[in-house]
Amino acid sequence: MSIAPTVQAQAATEADGLDVGCLARDTLNDYLSRAYGEGRIAQAQLQNGHQVELFLSRRGTWTLVELMPDGQGCVHAYPKCAGRHREPHINC
């Protein structure tokens, strides 16, 4: 059974202006929990030594984060239309 969300064409990246880019891992985890109610549901090790983590909330919002060896976590994707709280200026 797969719990990964279907991204389709509505994923945003750091370049699209998410208010959080890269932060210390604990700070980013706390932010996603506090701001969106998201908790880590999956993680995987990449061949380059980085990790990716998927965060999900009960409301259906999700965030994909890449963790660097230096302890920084960078947001790579989230759905633009998963909730008006994420991108209120986008018509979904």
Protein backbone atom coordinates (compact mmCIF):
# COMPACT_ATOMS: atom_id res chain seq x y z
CA MET A 1 0.00 0.00 0.00
CA SER A 2 1.36 3.41 -0.98
CA ILE A 3 0.74 6.43 1.22
CA ALA A 4 2.71 8.86 -0.93
CA PRO A 5 0.57 11.66 -2.37
CA THR A 6 0.05 12.06 -6.08
CA VAL A 7 1.94 15.19 -7.02
CA GLN A 8 0.77 15.76 -10.63
CA ALA A 9 1.53 19.23 -11.93
CA GLN A 10 0.73 21.20 -8.81
CA ALA A 11 3.92 20.81 -6.82
CA ALA A 12 5.84 23.93 -5.89
CA THR A 13 9.54 24.21 -5.26
CA GLU A 14 11.72 26.53 -3.22
CA ALA A 15 12.00 28.83 -6.22
CA ASP A 16 8.22 29.33 -6.17
CA GLY A 17 8.54 31.34 -2.99
CA LEU A 18 7.77 29.10 -0.03
CA ASP A 19 8.40 31.19 3.07
CA VAL A 20 10.70 28.47 4.44
CA GLY A 21 13.66 27.36 2.32
CA CYS A 22 16.43 25.66 4.28
CA LEU A 23 16.57 25.54 8.05
CA ALA A 24 18.17 23.38 10.70
CA ARG A 25 16.38 20.02 10.68
CA ASP A 26 14.78 20.39 14.12
CA THR A 27 13.68 23.95 13.36
CA LEU A 28 12.10 22.89 10.06
CA ASN A 29 10.36 19.89 11.67
CA ASP A 30 8.97 22.13 14.41
CA TYR A 31 7.80 24.69 11.84
CA LEU A 32 5.95 22.08 9.74
CA SER A 33 4.31 20.67 12.86
CA ARG A 34 3.30 24.04 14.27
CA ALA A 35 2.28 25.81 11.06
CA TYR A 36 0.61 22.94 9.18
CA GLY A 37 0.13 20.11 11.67
CA GLU A 38 2.46 17.90 9.62
CA GLY A 39 4.47 15.01 10.99
CA ARG A 40 7.09 12.83 9.31
CA ILE A 41 5.56 9.67 7.82
CA ALA A 42 8.42 8.40 5.65
CA GLN A 43 12.12 8.86 5.05
CA ALA A 44 14.69 7.43 2.68
CA GLN A 45 18.46 7.57 2.26
CA LEU A 46 19.73 8.86 -1.10
CA GLN A 47 22.90 7.65 -2.80
CA ASN A 48 24.54 11.06 -2.32
CA GLY A 49 24.30 10.74 1.48
CA HIS A 50 21.30 13.05 1.79
CA GLN A 51 17.94 11.94 3.13
CA VAL A 52 14.44 12.80 1.99
CA GLU A 53 11.51 12.99 4.38
CA LEU A 54 7.80 13.21 3.69
CA PHE A 55 5.59 15.09 6.12
CA LEU A 56 1.78 14.77 6.14
CA SER A 57 -1.07 16.32 8.08
CA ARG A 58 -4.56 15.00 8.85
CA ARG A 59 -5.94 17.79 6.65
CA GLY A 60 -4.07 16.39 3.65
CA THR A 61 -1.22 18.89 3.38
CA TRP A 62 2.22 17.44 2.75
CA THR A 63 5.81 18.61 2.37
CA LEU A 64 8.85 16.89 0.87
CA VAL A 65 12.13 17.80 2.58
CA GLU A 66 15.74 16.96 1.68
CA LEU A 67 18.15 16.68 4.60
CA MET A 68 21.78 17.59 3.99
CA PRO A 69 24.70 15.97 5.83
CA ASP A 70 25.32 19.31 7.61
CA GLY A 71 21.93 19.10 9.36
CA GLN A 72 20.05 21.53 7.12
CA GLY A 73 16.63 20.56 5.80
CA CYS A 74 15.39 22.11 2.54
CA VAL A 75 11.81 22.11 1.32
CA HIS A 76 11.58 20.65 -2.17
CA ALA A 77 7.87 20.24 -2.85
CA TYR A 78 4.40 20.78 -1.46
CA PRO A 79 1.00 20.98 -3.15
CA LYS A 80 -0.03 24.50 -4.09
CA CYS A 81 -3.73 23.80 -3.58
CA ALA A 82 -3.75 21.53 -0.53
CA GLY A 83 -5.29 24.25 1.56
CA ARG A 84 -5.92 27.94 1.36
CA HIS A 85 -3.48 28.45 4.25
CA ARG A 86 -0.54 27.45 2.01
CA GLU A 87 -1.00 29.69 -1.02
CA PRO A 88 -4.01 31.96 -0.49
CA HIS A 89 -3.24 33.99 -3.62
CA ILE A 90 -3.54 31.00 -5.99
CA ASN A 91 -6.94 30.13 -7.45
CA CYS A 92 -7.38 26.37 -7.03
